[in-house]
Amino acid sequence: MMVSASIERELTAEAFPVRNGVFVAVVGPSGAGKDTVIGYAKSLFAGETRLEFVRRVITRPSDAASEDHDTLADAAFVEAEADGAFAISWEAHGLRYGIPADVDWSIANGHVAVANVSRAVIPVLRERYANLAVVEITAAPEILAERLAQRGRESRGEVLARLARSANVALSGPGVTSIDNGGPREAAGERFAEVLRKAMAFSDMSGVI
């Protein structure tokens, strides 16, 4: 996992940390159902102008079985990264991921931005955004293994290795909410929705329109 060096340079600028709104970082192991929970909230809050569900840029083709994202080839991603196209970027599982730079504008203007990110970039997010809410989506190991197997992207050995890596990543710091998504998606979705309602209420207090 590698965080963009350009982000480290930008963090020294007077504009950081970005205030007023809230960045909601959704994290958790593969198979926990992060996209499912985010999708539930996206439907629930359709038309809510204070919420922005961030569309990630990934060096992986988009298909019906994965999240709806923008795709760039490796070389194009590196070029975009160097040009400041991303607020934050990282590498994981042989892929590159980026959060578009305009998320900074959204948060500075009092919005709530929701994004699926790597747990390893949480320290950088804490420096970049004054108001960060971390939501960890979890599920029992046997449920994770079953879901990953159903996706059919990896061999059994690769699935086990991925689960072992996830088990070794621990979250710490303020503002962390853990949601078990091992049951009905509505249960986890409603807990996540409550986090988003609190984030919107907080951003409303900033007085930014």
N, C-alpha and C. Protein backbone atom coordinates (compact mmCIF):
# COMPACT_ATOMS: atom_id res chain seq x y z
N MET A 1 0.85 -1.19 0.00
CA MET A 1 0.00 0.00 0.00
C MET A 1 0.88 1.23 0.00
N MET A 2 0.63 2.18 -0.90
CA MET A 2 1.46 3.37 -0.99
C MET A 2 0.58 4.59 -1.19
N VAL A 3 0.77 5.59 -0.37
CA VAL A 3 0.03 6.83 -0.47
C VAL A 3 0.79 7.78 -1.38
N SER A 4 0.09 8.53 -2.22
CA SER A 4 0.73 9.43 -3.16
C SER A 4 1.63 10.44 -2.45
N ALA A 5 2.85 10.60 -2.98
CA ALA A 5 3.79 11.55 -2.39
C ALA A 5 3.30 12.98 -2.55
N SER A 6 2.54 13.24 -3.62
CA SER A 6 2.04 14.60 -3.83
C SER A 6 1.09 15.01 -2.72
N ILE A 7 0.36 14.05 -2.14
CA ILE A 7 -0.54 14.35 -1.04
C ILE A 7 0.25 14.83 0.17
N GLU A 8 1.37 14.18 0.43
CA GLU A 8 2.20 14.57 1.58
C GLU A 8 2.68 16.01 1.44
N ARG A 9 3.01 16.40 0.20
CA ARG A 9 3.46 17.78 -0.03
C ARG A 9 2.31 18.76 0.19
N GLU A 10 1.12 18.40 -0.31
CA GLU A 10 -0.02 19.28 -0.20
C GLU A 10 -0.46 19.51 1.24
N LEU A 11 -0.20 18.54 2.10
CA LEU A 11 -0.64 18.65 3.48
C LEU A 11 0.04 19.79 4.22
N THR A 12 1.14 20.30 3.66
CA THR A 12 1.84 21.40 4.31
C THR A 12 1.21 22.75 3.96
N ALA A 13 0.31 22.75 2.99
CA ALA A 13 -0.31 24.01 2.56
C ALA A 13 -1.28 24.51 3.62
N GLU A 14 -1.51 25.83 3.61
CA GLU A 14 -2.38 26.46 4.60
C GLU A 14 -3.83 26.01 4.48
N ALA A 15 -4.21 25.47 3.32
CA ALA A 15 -5.61 25.06 3.10
C ALA A 15 -6.00 23.83 3.90
N PHE A 16 -5.02 23.17 4.47
CA PHE A 16 -5.31 21.93 5.19
C PHE A 16 -5.13 22.10 6.69
N PRO A 17 -5.94 21.43 7.49
CA PRO A 17 -6.99 20.49 7.07
C PRO A 17 -8.24 21.19 6.55
N VAL A 18 -8.93 20.54 5.63
CA VAL A 18 -10.18 21.08 5.08
C VAL A 18 -11.26 20.98 6.16
N ARG A 19 -12.01 22.08 6.34
CA ARG A 19 -13.01 22.14 7.42
C ARG A 19 -14.43 22.23 6.87
N ASN A 20 -15.36 22.48 7.74
CA ASN A 20 -16.78 22.72 7.48
C ASN A 20 -17.60 21.44 7.29
N GLY A 21 -17.30 20.64 6.28
CA GLY A 21 -18.05 19.42 6.05
C GLY A 21 -17.41 18.22 6.73
N VAL A 22 -17.84 17.03 6.32
CA VAL A 22 -17.35 15.79 6.92
C VAL A 22 -16.98 14.80 5.84
N PHE A 23 -15.83 14.16 6.00
CA PHE A 23 -15.44 13.05 5.13
C PHE A 23 -15.79 11.77 5.87
N VAL A 24 -16.62 10.94 5.26
CA VAL A 24 -16.99 9.65 5.86
C VAL A 24 -16.23 8.55 5.13
N ALA A 25 -15.25 7.97 5.80
CA ALA A 25 -14.41 6.94 5.22
C ALA A 25 -14.98 5.57 5.56
N VAL A 26 -15.39 4.84 4.54
CA VAL A 26 -15.94 3.50 4.74
C VAL A 26 -14.82 2.49 4.49
N VAL A 27 -14.51 1.69 5.49
CA VAL A 27 -13.41 0.74 5.40
C VAL A 27 -13.87 -0.65 5.82
N GLY A 28 -13.01 -1.63 5.60
CA GLY A 28 -13.34 -2.98 6.02
C GLY A 28 -12.75 -3.99 5.06
N PRO A 29 -12.69 -5.25 5.46
CA PRO A 29 -12.10 -6.28 4.61
C PRO A 29 -12.93 -6.57 3.37
N SER A 30 -12.29 -7.09 2.36
CA SER A 30 -13.01 -7.51 1.16
C SER A 30 -14.04 -8.56 1.54
N GLY A 31 -15.25 -8.43 0.98
CA GLY A 31 -16.31 -9.37 1.29
C GLY A 31 -17.23 -8.91 2.41
N ALA A 32 -16.86 -7.82 3.08
CA ALA A 32 -17.70 -7.35 4.19
C ALA A 32 -18.98 -6.69 3.69
N GLY A 33 -18.99 -6.27 2.43
CA GLY A 33 -20.20 -5.66 1.87
C GLY A 33 -20.22 -4.15 1.96
N LYS A 34 -19.06 -3.52 1.81
CA LYS A 34 -19.00 -2.04 1.88
C LYS A 34 -19.85 -1.41 0.79
N ASP A 35 -19.72 -1.90 -0.45
CA ASP A 35 -20.49 -1.34 -1.55
C ASP A 35 -21.99 -1.54 -1.36
N THR A 36 -22.36 -2.67 -0.76
CA THR A 36 -23.78 -2.95 -0.50
C THR A 36 -24.36 -1.95 0.50
N VAL A 37 -23.62 -1.70 1.56
CA VAL A 37 -24.09 -0.75 2.58
C VAL A 37 -24.14 0.66 2.02
N ILE A 38 -23.11 1.03 1.27
CA ILE A 38 -23.10 2.36 0.64
C ILE A 38 -24.26 2.49 -0.33
N GLY A 39 -24.51 1.44 -1.12
CA GLY A 39 -25.61 1.46 -2.08
C GLY A 39 -26.96 1.62 -1.39
N TYR A 40 -27.13 0.99 -0.24
CA TYR A 40 -28.37 1.12 0.52
C TYR A 40 -28.59 2.58 0.91
N ALA A 41 -27.53 3.21 1.44
CA ALA A 41 -27.64 4.60 1.85
C ALA A 41 -27.86 5.53 0.66
N LYS A 42 -27.23 5.20 -0.44
CA LYS A 42 -27.38 6.04 -1.64
C LYS A 42 -28.83 6.06 -2.11
N SER A 43 -29.49 4.91 -2.04
CA SER A 43 -30.91 4.84 -2.43
C SER A 43 -31.78 5.54 -1.39
N LEU A 44 -31.45 5.35 -0.12
CA LEU A 44 -32.24 5.93 0.96
C LEU A 44 -32.21 7.45 0.92
N PHE A 45 -31.03 8.01 0.60
CA PHE A 45 -30.86 9.46 0.61
C PHE A 45 -30.84 10.06 -0.80
N ALA A 46 -31.50 9.41 -1.73
CA ALA A 46 -31.56 9.93 -3.10
C ALA A 46 -32.13 11.35 -3.10
N GLY A 47 -31.43 12.26 -3.74
CA GLY A 47 -31.89 13.64 -3.79
C GLY A 47 -31.40 14.50 -2.64
N GLU A 48 -30.68 13.92 -1.70
CA GLU A 48 -30.14 14.68 -0.57
C GLU A 48 -28.88 15.42 -1.02
N THR A 49 -28.99 16.74 -1.17
CA THR A 49 -27.89 17.52 -1.74
C THR A 49 -26.69 17.69 -0.80
N ARG A 50 -26.89 17.42 0.48
CA ARG A 50 -25.78 17.57 1.42
C ARG A 50 -24.83 16.37 1.37
N LEU A 51 -25.27 15.29 0.76
CA LEU A 51 -24.47 14.06 0.69
C LEU A 51 -23.86 13.86 -0.68
N GLU A 52 -22.59 13.51 -0.72
CA GLU A 52 -21.92 13.18 -1.98
C GLU A 52 -21.30 11.79 -1.85
N PHE A 53 -21.76 10.88 -2.68
CA PHE A 53 -21.18 9.54 -2.71
C PHE A 53 -20.09 9.54 -3.78
N VAL A 54 -18.86 9.50 -3.33
CA VAL A 54 -17.71 9.71 -4.21
C VAL A 54 -17.52 8.54 -5.17
N ARG A 55 -17.34 8.85 -6.42
CA ARG A 55 -17.05 7.85 -7.46
C ARG A 55 -15.54 7.70 -7.59
N ARG A 56 -15.02 6.55 -7.25
CA ARG A 56 -13.59 6.33 -7.25
C ARG A 56 -13.04 6.12 -8.66
N VAL A 57 -11.73 6.35 -8.80
CA VAL A 57 -11.02 6.04 -10.03
C VAL A 57 -10.12 4.85 -9.72
N ILE A 58 -10.22 3.78 -10.51
CA ILE A 58 -9.49 2.55 -10.25
C ILE A 58 -8.87 2.03 -11.55
N THR A 59 -7.70 1.43 -11.43
CA THR A 59 -7.07 0.83 -12.62
C THR A 59 -7.61 -0.58 -12.84
N ARG A 60 -8.93 -0.69 -12.88
CA ARG A 60 -9.61 -1.96 -13.13
C ARG A 60 -10.86 -1.67 -13.94
N PRO A 61 -11.11 -2.44 -14.99
CA PRO A 61 -12.32 -2.20 -15.79
C PRO A 61 -13.57 -2.32 -14.92
N SER A 62 -14.57 -1.51 -15.22
CA SER A 62 -15.83 -1.57 -14.49
C SER A 62 -16.70 -2.66 -15.09
N ASP A 63 -17.39 -3.41 -14.22
CA ASP A 63 -18.32 -4.43 -14.70
C ASP A 63 -19.50 -4.50 -13.74
N ALA A 64 -20.51 -5.26 -14.13
CA ALA A 64 -21.74 -5.32 -13.35
C ALA A 64 -21.54 -5.94 -11.98
N ALA A 65 -20.46 -6.72 -11.82
CA ALA A 65 -20.23 -7.41 -10.55
C ALA A 65 -19.45 -6.58 -9.55
N SER A 66 -18.95 -5.43 -9.96
CA SER A 66 -18.16 -4.61 -9.06
C SER A 66 -18.79 -3.22 -8.93
N GLU A 67 -18.19 -2.38 -8.12
CA GLU A 67 -18.73 -1.05 -7.90
C GLU A 67 -18.69 -0.23 -9.19
N ASP A 68 -19.54 0.76 -9.26
CA ASP A 68 -19.57 1.68 -10.39
C ASP A 68 -18.45 2.69 -10.18
N HIS A 69 -17.42 2.63 -11.02
CA HIS A 69 -16.27 3.51 -10.84
C HIS A 69 -15.73 3.96 -12.20
N ASP A 70 -14.87 4.96 -12.18
CA ASP A 70 -14.18 5.39 -13.38
C ASP A 70 -12.89 4.58 -13.52
N THR A 71 -12.50 4.31 -14.74
CA THR A 71 -11.33 3.46 -14.99
C THR A 71 -10.24 4.22 -15.72
N LEU A 72 -9.00 4.03 -15.27
CA LEU A 72 -7.82 4.56 -15.95
C LEU A 72 -6.78 3.46 -16.06
N ALA A 73 -6.02 3.45 -17.14
CA ALA A 73 -4.89 2.54 -17.26
C ALA A 73 -3.81 3.01 -16.30
N ASP A 74 -2.88 2.14 -15.96
CA ASP A 74 -1.83 2.48 -15.00
C ASP A 74 -1.10 3.77 -15.36
N ALA A 75 -0.65 3.88 -16.60
CA ALA A 75 0.13 5.05 -17.02
C ALA A 75 -0.70 6.33 -16.92
N ALA A 76 -1.95 6.25 -17.33
CA ALA A 76 -2.83 7.42 -17.26
C ALA A 76 -3.12 7.81 -15.81
N PHE A 77 -3.24 6.81 -14.94
CA PHE A 77 -3.48 7.08 -13.52
C PHE A 77 -2.28 7.81 -12.92
N VAL A 78 -1.08 7.32 -13.21
CA VAL A 78 0.14 7.95 -12.67
C VAL A 78 0.25 9.40 -13.16
N GLU A 79 -0.10 9.63 -14.41
CA GLU A 79 -0.05 10.99 -14.96
C GLU A 79 -1.08 11.89 -14.27
N ALA A 80 -2.30 11.38 -14.09
CA ALA A 80 -3.35 12.15 -13.42
C ALA A 80 -2.95 12.45 -11.98
N GLU A 81 -2.37 11.48 -11.32
CA GLU A 81 -1.92 11.65 -9.94
C GLU A 81 -0.89 12.76 -9.84
N ALA A 82 0.07 12.77 -10.78
CA ALA A 82 1.11 13.79 -10.78
C ALA A 82 0.54 15.18 -11.06
N ASP A 83 -0.57 15.23 -11.81
CA ASP A 83 -1.22 16.51 -12.13
C ASP A 83 -2.16 17.00 -11.03
N GLY A 84 -2.25 16.26 -9.91
CA GLY A 84 -3.10 16.68 -8.80
C GLY A 84 -4.56 16.35 -8.97
N ALA A 85 -4.86 15.31 -9.75
CA ALA A 85 -6.26 14.97 -10.01
C ALA A 85 -6.95 14.32 -8.82
N PHE A 86 -6.16 13.85 -7.85
CA PHE A 86 -6.74 13.12 -6.73
C PHE A 86 -6.47 13.81 -5.40
N ALA A 87 -7.49 13.80 -4.54
CA ALA A 87 -7.30 14.29 -3.17
C ALA A 87 -6.41 13.32 -2.41
N ILE A 88 -6.61 12.04 -2.68
CA ILE A 88 -5.81 10.99 -2.06
C ILE A 88 -5.80 9.79 -2.99
N SER A 89 -4.70 9.05 -2.98
CA SER A 89 -4.60 7.86 -3.82
C SER A 89 -3.76 6.82 -3.09
N TRP A 90 -3.95 5.57 -3.50
CA TRP A 90 -3.22 4.48 -2.85
C TRP A 90 -3.17 3.27 -3.78
N GLU A 91 -2.34 2.31 -3.40
CA GLU A 91 -2.23 1.05 -4.13
C GLU A 91 -2.60 -0.10 -3.21
N ALA A 92 -3.33 -1.07 -3.75
CA ALA A 92 -3.69 -2.26 -2.98
C ALA A 92 -4.07 -3.38 -3.93
N HIS A 93 -3.63 -4.60 -3.62
CA HIS A 93 -3.98 -5.79 -4.39
C HIS A 93 -3.64 -5.64 -5.87
N GLY A 94 -2.53 -4.93 -6.16
CA GLY A 94 -2.09 -4.77 -7.54
C GLY A 94 -2.84 -3.72 -8.33
N LEU A 95 -3.69 -2.95 -7.68
CA LEU A 95 -4.47 -1.91 -8.35
C LEU A 95 -4.17 -0.54 -7.74
N ARG A 96 -4.47 0.51 -8.50
CA ARG A 96 -4.36 1.89 -8.00
C ARG A 96 -5.76 2.45 -7.83
N TYR A 97 -5.94 3.20 -6.74
CA TYR A 97 -7.23 3.80 -6.40
C TYR A 97 -7.05 5.30 -6.17
N GLY A 98 -8.02 6.10 -6.61
CA GLY A 98 -7.95 7.54 -6.39
C GLY A 98 -9.30 8.13 -6.03
N ILE A 99 -9.27 9.11 -5.12
CA ILE A 99 -10.46 9.90 -4.77
C ILE A 99 -10.30 11.25 -5.46
N PRO A 100 -11.22 11.63 -6.35
CA PRO A 100 -11.07 12.88 -7.11
C PRO A 100 -10.85 14.09 -6.22
N ALA A 101 -10.03 15.03 -6.70
CA ALA A 101 -9.64 16.20 -5.92
C ALA A 101 -10.81 17.11 -5.57
N ASP A 102 -11.89 17.07 -6.36
CA ASP A 102 -13.00 17.99 -6.08
C ASP A 102 -13.74 17.66 -4.79
N VAL A 103 -13.40 16.52 -4.15
CA VAL A 103 -14.00 16.22 -2.86
C VAL A 103 -13.59 17.26 -1.82
N ASP A 104 -12.41 17.87 -1.98
CA ASP A 104 -11.98 18.92 -1.06
C ASP A 104 -12.93 20.11 -1.12
N TRP A 105 -13.36 20.46 -2.33
CA TRP A 105 -14.29 21.59 -2.50
C TRP A 105 -15.60 21.27 -1.82
N SER A 106 -16.09 20.04 -2.00
CA SER A 106 -17.36 19.64 -1.40
C SER A 106 -17.33 19.78 0.12
N ILE A 107 -16.26 19.29 0.73
CA ILE A 107 -16.16 19.35 2.18
C ILE A 107 -15.97 20.79 2.66
N ALA A 108 -15.17 21.56 1.95
CA ALA A 108 -14.97 22.96 2.32
C ALA A 108 -16.27 23.75 2.28
N ASN A 109 -17.22 23.27 1.46
CA ASN A 109 -18.51 23.95 1.34
C ASN A 109 -19.60 23.28 2.18
N GLY A 110 -19.18 22.52 3.19
CA GLY A 110 -20.12 22.00 4.16
C GLY A 110 -20.84 20.73 3.79
N HIS A 111 -20.40 20.04 2.76
CA HIS A 111 -21.05 18.80 2.36
C HIS A 111 -20.47 17.61 3.13
N VAL A 112 -21.14 16.48 3.01
CA VAL A 112 -20.67 15.22 3.58
C VAL A 112 -20.28 14.32 2.41
N ALA A 113 -19.02 13.95 2.35
CA ALA A 113 -18.52 13.10 1.27
C ALA A 113 -18.31 11.69 1.80
N VAL A 114 -18.85 10.71 1.09
CA VAL A 114 -18.77 9.31 1.51
C VAL A 114 -17.92 8.54 0.50
N ALA A 115 -16.90 7.83 0.99
CA ALA A 115 -16.04 7.10 0.07
C ALA A 115 -15.52 5.81 0.69
N ASN A 116 -15.39 4.82 -0.15
CA ASN A 116 -14.80 3.54 0.21
C ASN A 116 -13.28 3.69 0.07
N VAL A 117 -12.55 3.55 1.17
CA VAL A 117 -11.10 3.74 1.14
C VAL A 117 -10.37 2.60 1.84
N SER A 118 -9.06 2.59 1.69
CA SER A 118 -8.23 1.61 2.39
C SER A 118 -8.02 2.06 3.83
N ARG A 119 -8.01 1.10 4.74
CA ARG A 119 -7.75 1.43 6.14
C ARG A 119 -6.37 2.05 6.33
N ALA A 120 -5.44 1.73 5.44
CA ALA A 120 -4.07 2.22 5.58
C ALA A 120 -3.95 3.72 5.35
N VAL A 121 -4.94 4.37 4.70
CA VAL A 121 -4.84 5.80 4.42
C VAL A 121 -5.56 6.64 5.48
N ILE A 122 -6.13 6.02 6.50
CA ILE A 122 -6.83 6.77 7.54
C ILE A 122 -5.93 7.84 8.18
N PRO A 123 -4.66 7.56 8.52
CA PRO A 123 -3.82 8.61 9.11
C PRO A 123 -3.69 9.84 8.20
N VAL A 124 -3.59 9.64 6.90
CA VAL A 124 -3.49 10.76 5.96
C VAL A 124 -4.81 11.52 5.90
N LEU A 125 -5.92 10.80 5.94
CA LEU A 125 -7.22 11.47 5.94
C LEU A 125 -7.42 12.30 7.20
N ARG A 126 -6.93 11.83 8.33
CA ARG A 126 -7.05 12.59 9.58
C ARG A 126 -6.31 13.92 9.48
N GLU A 127 -5.23 13.95 8.73
CA GLU A 127 -4.48 15.20 8.55
C GLU A 127 -5.13 16.10 7.51
N ARG A 128 -5.75 15.50 6.51
CA ARG A 128 -6.30 16.29 5.40
C ARG A 128 -7.65 16.92 5.73
N TYR A 129 -8.47 16.20 6.54
CA TYR A 129 -9.82 16.67 6.84
C TYR A 129 -10.02 16.84 8.34
N ALA A 130 -10.50 18.02 8.72
CA ALA A 130 -10.69 18.32 10.15
C ALA A 130 -11.77 17.44 10.76
N ASN A 131 -12.77 17.08 9.96
CA ASN A 131 -13.89 16.29 10.46
C ASN A 131 -13.96 14.97 9.69
N LEU A 132 -13.48 13.92 10.32
CA LEU A 132 -13.43 12.61 9.68
C LEU A 132 -14.22 11.60 10.50
N ALA A 133 -15.14 10.91 9.85
CA ALA A 133 -15.87 9.80 10.48
C ALA A 133 -15.45 8.52 9.78
N VAL A 134 -15.00 7.55 10.54
CA VAL A 134 -14.56 6.28 9.98
C VAL A 134 -15.61 5.22 10.30
N VAL A 135 -16.12 4.55 9.26
CA VAL A 135 -17.11 3.49 9.44
C VAL A 135 -16.49 2.18 8.97
N GLU A 136 -16.31 1.27 9.91
CA GLU A 136 -15.73 -0.04 9.57
C GLU A 136 -16.84 -1.06 9.40
N ILE A 137 -16.96 -1.60 8.18
CA ILE A 137 -17.94 -2.64 7.89
C ILE A 137 -17.27 -3.99 8.10
N THR A 138 -17.87 -4.84 8.92
CA THR A 138 -17.25 -6.12 9.24
C THR A 138 -18.24 -7.28 9.02
N ALA A 139 -17.71 -8.48 9.09
CA ALA A 139 -18.52 -9.71 9.06
C ALA A 139 -17.62 -10.83 9.55
N ALA A 140 -18.22 -11.91 9.98
CA ALA A 140 -17.46 -13.05 10.48
C ALA A 140 -16.57 -13.62 9.38
N PRO A 141 -15.40 -14.18 9.74
CA PRO A 141 -14.46 -14.71 8.73
C PRO A 141 -15.10 -15.71 7.76
N GLU A 142 -15.97 -16.58 8.25
CA GLU A 142 -16.57 -17.57 7.37
C GLU A 142 -17.50 -16.92 6.34
N ILE A 143 -18.13 -15.80 6.73
CA ILE A 143 -18.99 -15.07 5.80
C ILE A 143 -18.15 -14.36 4.75
N LEU A 144 -17.05 -13.77 5.19
CA LEU A 144 -16.14 -13.12 4.25
C LEU A 144 -15.62 -14.12 3.22
N ALA A 145 -15.18 -15.29 3.69
CA ALA A 145 -14.64 -16.31 2.80
C ALA A 145 -15.68 -16.75 1.77
N GLU A 146 -16.92 -16.93 2.22
CA GLU A 146 -17.99 -17.37 1.31
C GLU A 146 -18.27 -16.31 0.25
N ARG A 147 -18.32 -15.05 0.66
CA ARG A 147 -18.61 -13.98 -0.29
C ARG A 147 -17.49 -13.82 -1.31
N LEU A 148 -16.24 -13.91 -0.84
CA LEU A 148 -15.11 -13.77 -1.76
C LEU A 148 -15.09 -14.92 -2.76
N ALA A 149 -15.42 -16.12 -2.30
CA ALA A 149 -15.45 -17.28 -3.19
C ALA A 149 -16.54 -17.11 -4.25
N GLN A 150 -17.67 -16.54 -3.86
CA GLN A 150 -18.78 -16.34 -4.79
C GLN A 150 -18.42 -15.34 -5.89
N ARG A 151 -17.54 -14.38 -5.56
CA ARG A 151 -17.15 -13.39 -6.57
C ARG A 151 -16.33 -14.03 -7.67
N GLY A 152 -15.60 -15.10 -7.35
CA GLY A 152 -14.85 -15.83 -8.36
C GLY A 152 -13.66 -15.12 -8.96
N ARG A 153 -13.18 -14.07 -8.31
CA ARG A 153 -12.04 -13.33 -8.85
C ARG A 153 -10.70 -13.95 -8.47
N GLU A 154 -10.69 -14.71 -7.36
CA GLU A 154 -9.43 -15.21 -6.82
C GLU A 154 -9.51 -16.69 -6.50
N SER A 155 -8.34 -17.33 -6.43
CA SER A 155 -8.27 -18.74 -6.04
C SER A 155 -8.50 -18.85 -4.54
N ARG A 156 -8.71 -20.07 -4.05
CA ARG A 156 -8.91 -20.28 -2.62
C ARG A 156 -7.71 -19.77 -1.83
N GLY A 157 -6.50 -20.03 -2.33
CA GLY A 157 -5.30 -19.57 -1.65
C GLY A 157 -5.23 -18.06 -1.57
N GLU A 158 -5.62 -17.38 -2.64
CA GLU A 158 -5.61 -15.92 -2.66
C GLU A 158 -6.66 -15.35 -1.71
N VAL A 159 -7.80 -16.03 -1.63
CA VAL A 159 -8.85 -15.59 -0.70
C VAL A 159 -8.34 -15.68 0.74
N LEU A 160 -7.72 -16.81 1.09
CA LEU A 160 -7.21 -17.00 2.45
C LEU A 160 -6.13 -15.99 2.78
N ALA A 161 -5.27 -15.70 1.80
CA ALA A 161 -4.21 -14.72 2.02
C ALA A 161 -4.80 -13.33 2.25
N ARG A 162 -5.83 -13.00 1.49
CA ARG A 162 -6.48 -11.69 1.64
C ARG A 162 -7.11 -11.56 3.03
N LEU A 163 -7.77 -12.62 3.48
CA LEU A 163 -8.40 -12.60 4.81
C LEU A 163 -7.35 -12.48 5.91
N ALA A 164 -6.20 -13.14 5.73
CA ALA A 164 -5.14 -13.06 6.73
C ALA A 164 -4.59 -11.65 6.82
N ARG A 165 -4.44 -10.97 5.68
CA ARG A 165 -3.95 -9.59 5.69
C ARG A 165 -4.95 -8.67 6.39
N SER A 166 -6.22 -8.88 6.12
CA SER A 166 -7.25 -8.03 6.72
C SER A 166 -7.28 -8.18 8.24
N ALA A 167 -7.05 -9.40 8.72
CA ALA A 167 -7.11 -9.66 10.16
C ALA A 167 -6.00 -8.95 10.91
N ASN A 168 -4.93 -8.57 10.19
CA ASN A 168 -3.78 -7.94 10.84
C ASN A 168 -3.86 -6.42 10.83
N VAL A 169 -4.95 -5.85 10.30
CA VAL A 169 -5.11 -4.40 10.24
C VAL A 169 -6.07 -3.96 11.33
N ALA A 170 -5.57 -3.15 12.26
CA ALA A 170 -6.41 -2.68 13.37
C ALA A 170 -6.62 -1.18 13.24
N LEU A 171 -7.83 -0.73 13.53
CA LEU A 171 -8.15 0.69 13.49
C LEU A 171 -8.04 1.29 14.88
N SER A 172 -7.57 2.52 14.93
CA SER A 172 -7.50 3.23 16.20
C SER A 172 -7.78 4.69 15.96
N GLY A 173 -8.01 5.43 17.04
CA GLY A 173 -8.27 6.86 16.91
C GLY A 173 -9.74 7.18 17.09
N PRO A 174 -10.07 8.47 17.10
CA PRO A 174 -11.45 8.91 17.35
C PRO A 174 -12.36 8.72 16.14
N GLY A 175 -13.65 8.75 16.41
CA GLY A 175 -14.63 8.78 15.33
C GLY A 175 -14.77 7.49 14.55
N VAL A 176 -14.52 6.32 15.17
CA VAL A 176 -14.64 5.05 14.47
C VAL A 176 -15.92 4.33 14.90
N THR A 177 -16.75 3.98 13.92
CA THR A 177 -17.98 3.21 14.17
C THR A 177 -17.86 1.87 13.47
N SER A 178 -18.09 0.79 14.20
CA SER A 178 -18.02 -0.55 13.61
C SER A 178 -19.43 -1.09 13.40
N ILE A 179 -19.69 -1.58 12.17
CA ILE A 179 -21.01 -2.11 11.81
C ILE A 179 -20.86 -3.53 11.28
N ASP A 180 -21.56 -4.46 11.93
CA ASP A 180 -21.55 -5.86 11.51
C ASP A 180 -22.54 -6.03 10.36
N ASN A 181 -22.02 -6.46 9.20
CA ASN A 181 -22.86 -6.66 8.04
C ASN A 181 -23.02 -8.15 7.72
N GLY A 182 -23.08 -8.96 8.78
CA GLY A 182 -23.23 -10.39 8.59
C GLY A 182 -24.67 -10.83 8.44
N GLY A 183 -25.60 -9.92 8.71
CA GLY A 183 -27.02 -10.26 8.62
C GLY A 183 -27.70 -9.54 7.47
N PRO A 184 -28.99 -9.21 7.62
CA PRO A 184 -29.72 -8.50 6.56
C PRO A 184 -29.07 -7.16 6.25
N ARG A 185 -28.99 -6.81 4.98
CA ARG A 185 -28.33 -5.56 4.61
C ARG A 185 -29.06 -4.35 5.17
N GLU A 186 -30.39 -4.49 5.40
CA GLU A 186 -31.15 -3.37 5.94
C GLU A 186 -30.66 -3.00 7.34
N ALA A 187 -30.26 -4.00 8.12
CA ALA A 187 -29.80 -3.74 9.49
C ALA A 187 -28.53 -2.91 9.47
N ALA A 188 -27.56 -3.35 8.68
CA ALA A 188 -26.31 -2.60 8.57
C ALA A 188 -26.55 -1.27 7.87
N GLY A 189 -27.42 -1.27 6.86
CA GLY A 189 -27.71 -0.04 6.12
C GLY A 189 -28.30 1.04 7.00
N GLU A 190 -29.20 0.66 7.90
CA GLU A 190 -29.82 1.65 8.77
C GLU A 190 -28.82 2.20 9.79
N ARG A 191 -27.92 1.37 10.28
CA ARG A 191 -26.88 1.87 11.19
C ARG A 191 -25.97 2.85 10.47
N PHE A 192 -25.64 2.54 9.22
CA PHE A 192 -24.81 3.44 8.43
C PHE A 192 -25.55 4.74 8.16
N ALA A 193 -26.84 4.64 7.88
CA ALA A 193 -27.65 5.83 7.62
C ALA A 193 -27.65 6.77 8.82
N GLU A 194 -27.66 6.20 10.01
CA GLU A 194 -27.64 7.02 11.22
C GLU A 194 -26.33 7.79 11.33
N VAL A 195 -25.22 7.16 10.95
CA VAL A 195 -23.93 7.86 10.94
C VAL A 195 -23.99 9.04 9.98
N LEU A 196 -24.58 8.83 8.82
CA LEU A 196 -24.66 9.89 7.82
C LEU A 196 -25.57 11.03 8.28
N ARG A 197 -26.66 10.69 8.97
CA ARG A 197 -27.55 11.75 9.50
C ARG A 197 -26.80 12.62 10.51
N LYS A 198 -26.01 11.99 11.36
CA LYS A 198 -25.22 12.75 12.34
C LYS A 198 -24.19 13.62 11.65
N ALA A 199 -23.57 13.10 10.58
CA ALA A 199 -22.58 13.88 9.84
C ALA A 199 -23.23 15.09 9.18
N MET A 200 -24.43 14.91 8.62
CA MET A 200 -25.13 16.03 8.00
C MET A 200 -25.53 17.07 9.04
N ALA A 201 -25.96 16.61 10.21
CA ALA A 201 -26.33 17.54 11.27
C ALA A 201 -25.12 18.34 11.71
N PHE A 202 -23.97 17.69 11.79
CA PHE A 202 -22.74 18.38 12.17
C PHE A 202 -22.37 19.43 11.13
N SER A 203 -22.44 19.07 9.85
CA SER A 203 -22.07 20.01 8.80
C SER A 203 -23.03 21.19 8.76
N ASP A 204 -24.30 20.96 9.10
CA ASP A 204 -25.27 22.05 9.14
C ASP A 204 -24.87 23.11 10.17
N MET A 205 -24.23 22.68 11.25
CA MET A 205 -23.82 23.59 12.30
C MET A 205 -22.67 24.50 11.87
N SER A 206 -22.00 24.12 10.77
CA SER A 206 -20.86 24.94 10.30
C SER A 206 -21.35 26.27 9.71
N GLY A 207 -22.62 26.28 9.28
CA GLY A 207 -23.16 27.53 8.72
C GLY A 207 -22.77 27.76 7.28
N VAL A 208 -22.13 26.75 6.65
CA VAL A 208 -21.72 26.91 5.25
C VAL A 208 -22.83 26.39 4.35
N ILE A 209 -23.14 27.11 3.31
CA ILE A 209 -24.19 26.71 2.37
C ILE A 209 -23.56 26.43 1.01
